[in-house]
Amino acid sequence: MREYKLTALMAATSFLLCSGLMTNNRQMYWMASVLGALMLGAYLLVRRGAQQVAVQRRCPAELMEGETVEAEVAVAMQARWGLLWIQAEDAASSGLLLEPLSAESGSPFTGVVHYRLTALRRGEHQLGPVSLTLSDPFGLFVRQERVDDTTAVLVLPRPMALPRWNWEGGGRGRLIASTMRGKRGEGTDWHGVRPYTPGDPLRRIHWRATARHGSWHVREFEVSQLAPTVLALEQAPTWRADGEAYPDFDQAIRHIAWIILEAPRQGVSVILVGSGMPELRLTPESYTDPRALLRPLARIQPNADHSILDDLPRLIQQYGEQYRIALFAPPQEYALFHARAQGYQAQGYAVEVYA
């Protein structure tokens, strides 16, 4: 359609110009000049329109895996008196999905785009750059521009329960002591009572306090007596890769996220270590903002230069007496990790492998 309009205007301008030359009619000269000036003005407007472009996005800086929100990108340009029409199209990295919503107005040339943004995979992703389609009001000339404006979006891992996980257990010294008592897991150093929180084990209900207060109350134990755990994550690039994604590694991160968020309910202290990151010790104060616990997990990648098995002797020496150690390994290397763990299990250490 645009080509037809332009061809018709050029033909009309040529006809008027030729007719004016043949008949020496100044009115035809004037009409041909107006049409020529109109086409030239439309061309220059589109050609020089993409100057001082400002892009504004309305979207959250953080999303949870699988979360969907409505976002907006608006493009503002130097004042053109409404003569320059703009159609914007945003882009996203592979971990985000953009689904444009239907435009409210009939014309797509509004400079504002509403779309549905879905977080597909954890990690640091970005929105942008923005592709612009510039057009004059008559639709004679169209130009494509690109604005290198990007916005970072952090996708947090979605916690997923680990089926074989058991909160009971501990290091070698704790394991021997609990066996002598005839039970494992929670200590007997009672700290007090507190109101019931959804997810608290029913075995901790304090019936007398519940009857006295008229609401559910549970026993609270000293955290230091409740089987502290070391989560040791393999970060060597040996996980199953799917292009740029590591689905097995992401699944392990989801399980770790669940353990970290569930630990305060169980009264368990957690230390997260990896083969390529500094130690992350989680204290009760750390649990005031659950998203703050998930941010480091969102950025972890399997890019370490050595295996966590190289650090295992040091972890056993440092934590083995009091802590249980949970190794998160790639499925294809489970046999290797399990064989190393069995050697320490034979010595009485609580070392487990999850793949």
Protein backbone atom coordinates (compact mmCIF):
# COMPACT_ATOMS: atom_id res chain seq x y z
CA MET A 1 0.00 0.00 0.00
CA ARG A 2 2.84 2.41 0.82
CA GLU A 3 4.43 1.87 -2.58
CA TYR A 4 1.12 2.53 -4.31
CA LYS A 5 0.65 5.83 -2.49
CA LEU A 6 4.17 6.98 -3.28
CA THR A 7 3.88 5.96 -6.93
CA ALA A 8 0.57 7.79 -7.30
CA LEU A 9 1.94 11.01 -5.77
CA MET A 10 5.08 10.90 -7.92
CA ALA A 11 2.99 10.31 -11.03
CA ALA A 12 0.65 13.17 -10.13
CA THR A 13 3.62 15.51 -9.48
CA SER A 14 5.22 14.58 -12.80
CA PHE A 15 1.93 15.04 -14.67
CA LEU A 16 1.35 18.49 -13.18
CA LEU A 17 4.93 19.55 -13.84
CA CYS A 18 4.86 18.39 -17.45
CA SER A 19 1.43 19.93 -18.01
CA GLY A 20 2.66 23.21 -16.58
CA LEU A 21 5.68 23.21 -18.87
CA MET A 22 3.57 22.47 -21.94
CA THR A 23 0.81 24.97 -21.19
CA ASN A 24 2.85 27.50 -19.21
CA ASN A 25 0.25 27.25 -16.45
CA ARG A 26 1.66 28.63 -13.20
CA GLN A 27 -1.11 27.05 -11.15
CA MET A 28 0.06 23.61 -12.20
CA TYR A 29 3.62 24.61 -11.28
CA TRP A 30 2.37 25.59 -7.84
CA MET A 31 0.46 22.34 -7.35
CA ALA A 32 3.47 20.27 -8.46
CA SER A 33 5.67 22.23 -6.05
CA VAL A 34 3.27 21.57 -3.16
CA LEU A 35 3.22 17.84 -3.85
CA GLY A 36 7.01 17.74 -4.20
CA ALA A 37 7.48 19.71 -0.97
CA LEU A 38 5.03 17.38 0.78
CA MET A 39 6.98 14.29 -0.26
CA LEU A 40 10.35 15.86 0.56
CA GLY A 41 9.11 17.02 3.98
CA ALA A 42 7.76 13.55 4.77
CA TYR A 43 11.07 11.98 3.71
CA LEU A 44 13.18 14.37 5.82
CA LEU A 45 10.84 13.95 8.78
CA VAL A 46 11.31 10.19 8.76
CA ARG A 47 15.00 10.37 7.86
CA ARG A 48 15.92 12.70 10.72
CA GLY A 49 13.22 11.67 13.12
CA ALA A 50 15.20 9.32 15.34
CA GLN A 51 17.02 12.00 17.31
CA GLN A 52 17.20 12.31 21.09
CA VAL A 53 15.20 9.14 21.69
CA ALA A 54 14.25 8.33 25.31
CA VAL A 55 13.01 4.86 26.28
CA GLN A 56 11.11 4.20 29.47
CA ARG A 57 10.13 0.73 30.67
CA ARG A 58 7.67 -0.17 33.35
CA CYS A 59 8.58 -3.62 34.58
CA PRO A 60 9.75 -5.20 37.87
CA ALA A 61 13.48 -5.58 38.48
CA GLU A 62 12.96 -9.07 39.94
CA LEU A 63 10.70 -11.95 38.97
CA MET A 64 10.23 -15.49 40.18
CA GLU A 65 10.56 -18.37 37.73
CA GLY A 66 7.20 -18.89 36.05
CA GLU A 67 5.85 -15.50 37.16
CA THR A 68 3.96 -13.41 34.59
CA VAL A 69 3.46 -9.66 34.79
CA GLU A 70 2.28 -6.91 32.47
CA ALA A 71 5.00 -4.51 31.33
CA GLU A 72 5.24 -1.44 29.14
CA VAL A 73 7.82 0.27 26.96
CA ALA A 74 7.29 3.89 25.93
CA VAL A 75 9.39 5.80 23.39
CA ALA A 76 9.60 9.59 23.55
CA MET A 77 11.31 11.66 20.85
CA GLN A 78 11.99 15.28 20.04
CA ALA A 79 8.77 17.19 19.44
CA ARG A 80 7.54 16.60 15.88
CA TRP A 81 4.08 18.11 16.34
CA GLY A 82 2.48 14.70 16.05
CA LEU A 83 3.68 14.33 12.46
CA LEU A 84 6.02 11.39 13.16
CA TRP A 85 4.42 8.06 13.95
CA ILE A 86 6.38 5.53 15.99
CA GLN A 87 5.94 1.79 16.40
CA ALA A 88 8.14 0.23 19.11
CA GLU A 89 9.05 -3.43 19.55
CA ASP A 90 11.00 -4.63 22.58
CA ALA A 91 13.34 -7.61 22.69
CA ALA A 92 14.37 -9.98 25.48
CA SER A 93 17.09 -12.52 26.22
CA SER A 94 16.37 -16.25 26.17
CA GLY A 95 15.28 -16.44 29.82
CA LEU A 96 12.33 -14.09 29.27
CA LEU A 97 9.23 -14.39 27.09
CA LEU A 98 7.48 -11.34 25.59
CA GLU A 99 3.90 -11.58 24.40
CA PRO A 100 2.56 -8.26 23.02
CA LEU A 101 -0.96 -7.38 24.07
CA SER A 102 -3.49 -6.20 21.49
CA ALA A 103 -3.31 -2.45 20.89
CA GLU A 104 -6.19 -0.42 22.29
CA SER A 105 -6.21 2.01 19.36
CA GLY A 106 -6.59 1.19 15.71
CA SER A 107 -3.13 2.39 14.74
CA PRO A 108 -0.03 0.63 16.06
CA PHE A 109 2.03 3.82 15.64
CA THR A 110 1.68 5.10 19.19
CA GLY A 111 5.19 4.78 20.65
CA VAL A 112 3.83 2.76 23.60
CA VAL A 113 3.71 -1.04 23.70
CA HIS A 114 2.04 -3.14 26.38
CA TYR A 115 3.12 -6.74 26.64
CA ARG A 116 3.02 -9.76 28.91
CA LEU A 117 6.41 -10.65 30.42
CA THR A 118 7.04 -14.21 31.66
CA ALA A 119 10.18 -15.36 33.48
CA LEU A 120 11.27 -18.69 32.00
CA ARG A 121 14.61 -19.41 33.65
CA ARG A 122 16.54 -18.10 36.63
CA GLY A 123 19.52 -15.81 36.14
CA GLU A 124 20.35 -12.28 35.05
CA HIS A 125 18.50 -11.37 31.86
CA GLN A 126 17.80 -8.18 29.99
CA LEU A 127 15.08 -6.42 28.07
CA GLY A 128 16.15 -4.57 24.95
CA PRO A 129 17.26 -3.24 22.58
CA VAL A 130 14.17 -1.54 21.18
CA SER A 131 13.36 -1.69 17.47
CA LEU A 132 11.57 1.38 16.10
CA THR A 133 9.53 1.73 12.94
CA LEU A 134 9.17 5.40 11.95
CA SER A 135 6.53 6.59 9.53
CA ASP A 136 5.01 9.86 8.35
CA PRO A 137 1.24 10.33 8.80
CA PHE A 138 0.60 9.51 5.14
CA GLY A 139 2.53 6.25 5.27
CA LEU A 140 4.77 7.26 2.38
CA PHE A 141 8.15 6.59 3.98
CA VAL A 142 9.14 4.06 6.62
CA ARG A 143 12.47 3.69 8.38
CA GLN A 144 13.79 1.11 10.83
CA GLU A 145 15.87 2.24 13.82
CA ARG A 146 17.36 0.49 16.81
CA VAL A 147 17.78 2.00 20.28
CA ASP A 148 20.39 0.24 22.41
CA ASP A 149 18.54 0.76 25.66
CA THR A 150 18.45 -2.26 27.99
CA THR A 151 16.96 -3.04 31.38
CA ALA A 152 18.28 -5.79 33.66
CA VAL A 153 15.79 -8.27 35.11
CA LEU A 154 16.84 -10.78 37.78
CA VAL A 155 14.85 -14.03 37.73
CA LEU A 156 14.86 -15.79 41.10
CA PRO A 157 14.75 -19.60 41.31
CA ARG A 158 11.42 -21.17 42.11
CA PRO A 159 11.76 -23.28 45.30
CA MET A 160 11.02 -26.94 44.70
CA ALA A 161 10.84 -29.58 47.42
CA LEU A 162 13.53 -32.26 47.40
CA PRO A 163 11.69 -35.60 47.73
CA ARG A 164 14.45 -37.54 49.52
CA TRP A 165 15.41 -34.74 51.89
CA ASN A 166 15.28 -35.47 55.63
CA TRP A 167 15.86 -32.78 58.22
CA GLU A 168 17.15 -35.21 60.79
CA GLY A 169 20.81 -36.10 61.05
CA GLY A 170 24.07 -34.37 61.79
CA GLY A 171 27.83 -34.64 61.91
CA ARG A 172 29.81 -37.55 63.22
CA GLY A 173 29.81 -36.43 66.85
CA ARG A 174 26.12 -35.56 66.77
CA LEU A 175 25.22 -38.80 65.03
CA ILE A 176 26.91 -40.91 67.73
CA ALA A 177 25.30 -38.93 70.54
CA SER A 178 21.83 -39.14 69.04
CA THR A 179 22.20 -42.89 68.55
CA MET A 180 22.97 -43.30 72.24
CA ARG A 181 19.78 -41.41 73.08
CA GLY A 182 17.82 -43.63 70.74
CA LYS A 183 16.78 -40.86 68.36
CA ARG A 184 18.28 -38.53 65.77
CA GLY A 185 17.78 -34.97 64.71
CA GLU A 186 16.39 -32.41 67.11
CA GLY A 187 18.22 -31.73 70.35
CA THR A 188 16.55 -31.50 73.76
CA ASP A 189 17.71 -27.97 74.73
CA TRP A 190 14.35 -26.23 74.94
CA HIS A 191 14.52 -22.53 74.22
CA GLY A 192 10.84 -21.58 74.77
CA VAL A 193 7.51 -21.42 72.93
CA ARG A 194 6.28 -19.26 70.10
CA PRO A 195 3.10 -18.94 68.01
CA TYR A 196 2.56 -21.63 65.40
CA THR A 197 3.73 -20.85 61.87
CA PRO A 198 2.28 -22.77 58.89
CA GLY A 199 4.77 -25.49 58.08
CA ASP A 200 5.93 -26.17 61.65
CA PRO A 201 6.09 -29.91 62.46
CA LEU A 202 3.11 -31.07 64.50
CA ARG A 203 5.42 -32.89 66.89
CA ARG A 204 6.55 -29.51 68.23
CA ILE A 205 3.11 -28.39 69.40
CA HIS A 206 3.18 -27.32 73.06
CA TRP A 207 -0.24 -28.36 74.31
CA ARG A 208 -0.16 -26.51 77.62
CA ALA A 209 0.81 -23.20 75.97
CA THR A 210 -1.83 -23.80 73.32
CA ALA A 211 -4.54 -24.30 75.95
CA ARG A 212 -3.34 -21.31 77.99
CA HIS A 213 -3.22 -18.84 75.06
CA GLY A 214 -6.16 -20.22 73.13
CA SER A 215 -4.07 -20.45 69.94
CA TRP A 216 -1.52 -22.89 68.56
CA HIS A 217 1.98 -22.65 70.06
CA VAL A 218 5.06 -24.77 69.36
CA ARG A 219 8.27 -25.57 71.19
CA GLU A 220 11.36 -23.71 70.03
CA PHE A 221 14.79 -25.27 70.39
CA GLU A 222 18.25 -23.82 70.28
CA VAL A 223 19.33 -23.59 66.64
CA SER A 224 22.79 -24.87 67.48
CA GLN A 225 21.24 -28.17 68.62
CA LEU A 226 19.24 -28.84 65.47
CA ALA A 227 21.42 -30.66 62.96
CA PRO A 228 23.16 -27.79 61.09
CA THR A 229 23.69 -28.49 57.40
CA VAL A 230 26.34 -27.70 54.81
CA LEU A 231 24.99 -27.55 51.24
CA ALA A 232 27.93 -28.23 48.92
CA LEU A 233 27.15 -27.42 45.28
CA GLU A 234 29.19 -28.69 42.36
CA GLN A 235 29.93 -25.73 40.09
CA ALA A 236 32.26 -27.32 37.57
CA PRO A 237 30.80 -27.18 34.01
CA THR A 238 29.93 -30.91 33.98
CA TRP A 239 26.17 -30.50 34.20
CA ARG A 240 23.97 -31.48 31.26
CA ALA A 241 23.85 -28.49 28.91
CA ASP A 242 20.98 -27.55 26.61
CA GLY A 243 22.40 -24.73 24.53
CA GLU A 244 23.07 -21.94 27.00
CA ALA A 245 20.90 -23.52 29.71
CA TYR A 246 21.82 -26.18 32.26
CA PRO A 247 18.48 -27.76 33.22
CA ASP A 248 19.97 -30.18 35.76
CA PHE A 249 21.91 -27.39 37.43
CA ASP A 250 18.83 -25.17 37.57
CA GLN A 251 16.88 -28.03 39.15
CA ALA A 252 19.55 -28.40 41.85
CA ILE A 253 19.34 -24.64 42.53
CA ARG A 254 15.55 -24.94 42.96
CA HIS A 255 16.00 -27.70 45.54
CA ILE A 256 18.62 -25.66 47.41
CA ALA A 257 16.27 -22.65 47.38
CA TRP A 258 13.57 -24.78 49.00
CA ILE A 259 15.96 -26.04 51.69
CA ILE A 260 17.15 -22.52 52.47
CA LEU A 261 13.62 -21.12 52.78
CA GLU A 262 12.36 -24.12 54.78
CA ALA A 263 15.32 -24.23 57.19
CA PRO A 264 14.03 -21.53 59.60
CA ARG A 265 10.75 -23.41 60.03
CA GLN A 266 12.74 -26.45 61.11
CA GLY A 267 15.19 -24.46 63.23
CA VAL A 268 18.18 -25.56 61.18
CA SER A 269 21.19 -23.39 60.39
CA VAL A 270 22.55 -23.69 56.85
CA ILE A 271 25.88 -22.97 55.19
CA LEU A 272 26.03 -22.85 51.39
CA VAL A 273 29.39 -23.54 49.75
CA GLY A 274 30.41 -24.15 46.15
CA SER A 275 33.48 -24.89 44.12
CA GLY A 276 33.49 -21.38 42.66
CA MET A 277 31.91 -19.01 45.17
CA PRO A 278 32.57 -17.71 48.69
CA GLU A 279 30.92 -19.38 51.64
CA LEU A 280 27.41 -18.14 52.41
CA ARG A 281 26.44 -18.58 56.06
CA LEU A 282 22.74 -18.07 56.74
CA THR A 283 21.82 -16.73 60.16
CA PRO A 284 18.31 -16.23 61.62
CA GLU A 285 18.59 -12.54 60.68
CA SER A 286 19.06 -13.55 57.05
CA TYR A 287 15.54 -14.92 56.84
CA THR A 288 13.78 -11.58 57.24
CA ASP A 289 13.75 -11.11 53.45
CA PRO A 290 13.28 -14.40 51.56
CA ARG A 291 14.08 -12.76 48.23
CA ALA A 292 17.46 -11.67 49.58
CA LEU A 293 18.29 -15.36 50.11
CA LEU A 294 17.32 -16.23 46.55
CA ARG A 295 19.30 -13.47 44.83
CA PRO A 296 22.71 -15.18 45.20
CA LEU A 297 21.17 -18.44 43.94
CA ALA A 298 19.84 -16.64 40.86
CA ARG A 299 23.36 -15.61 39.85
CA ILE A 300 25.22 -18.88 40.46
CA GLN A 301 26.54 -20.53 37.30
CA PRO A 302 28.45 -23.80 36.70
CA ASN A 303 31.69 -22.09 35.70
CA ALA A 304 34.17 -23.11 38.40
CA ASP A 305 37.66 -24.29 37.45
CA HIS A 306 37.62 -27.26 39.84
CA SER A 307 35.20 -29.77 41.37
CA ILE A 308 33.66 -29.61 44.82
CA LEU A 309 35.19 -33.04 45.41
CA ASP A 310 38.58 -31.32 45.58
CA ASP A 311 37.25 -29.28 48.52
CA LEU A 312 35.51 -32.19 50.23
CA PRO A 313 38.46 -33.14 52.54
CA ARG A 314 38.62 -29.57 53.81
CA LEU A 315 34.84 -29.48 54.35
CA ILE A 316 34.99 -32.76 56.28
CA GLN A 317 37.80 -31.46 58.45
CA GLN A 318 36.09 -28.12 59.06
CA TYR A 319 32.44 -29.17 59.45
CA GLY A 320 32.27 -32.97 59.56
CA GLU A 321 32.17 -33.35 63.34
CA GLN A 322 29.00 -31.33 63.86
CA TYR A 323 27.41 -30.72 60.43
CA ARG A 324 25.75 -32.94 57.90
CA ILE A 325 27.13 -32.36 54.42
CA ALA A 326 24.81 -32.58 51.41
CA LEU A 327 26.54 -32.79 48.03
CA PHE A 328 24.59 -31.66 44.95
CA ALA A 329 26.13 -33.31 41.91
CA PRO A 330 25.30 -33.80 38.21
CA PRO A 331 23.26 -36.97 37.58
CA GLN A 332 25.90 -38.42 35.28
CA GLU A 333 28.51 -38.13 38.04
CA TYR A 334 26.41 -39.56 40.84
CA ALA A 335 28.41 -42.80 40.99
CA LEU A 336 31.70 -40.90 41.44
CA PHE A 337 30.30 -38.65 44.17
CA HIS A 338 28.59 -41.58 45.91
CA ALA A 339 31.82 -43.58 45.98
CA ARG A 340 33.68 -40.66 47.61
CA ALA A 341 30.86 -40.15 50.11
CA GLN A 342 30.82 -43.80 51.11
CA GLY A 343 34.41 -43.57 52.28
CA TYR A 344 33.50 -40.79 54.71
CA GLN A 345 30.25 -42.48 55.72
CA ALA A 346 32.28 -45.51 56.78
CA GLN A 347 34.16 -43.20 59.16
CA GLY A 348 30.86 -42.02 60.69
CA TYR A 349 30.48 -38.72 58.88
CA ALA A 350 27.02 -37.68 57.66
CA VAL A 351 27.71 -37.13 53.95
CA GLU A 352 24.86 -37.45 51.44
CA VAL A 353 24.74 -37.09 47.67
CA TYR A 354 21.79 -35.61 45.73
CA ALA A 355 21.71 -35.66 41.94
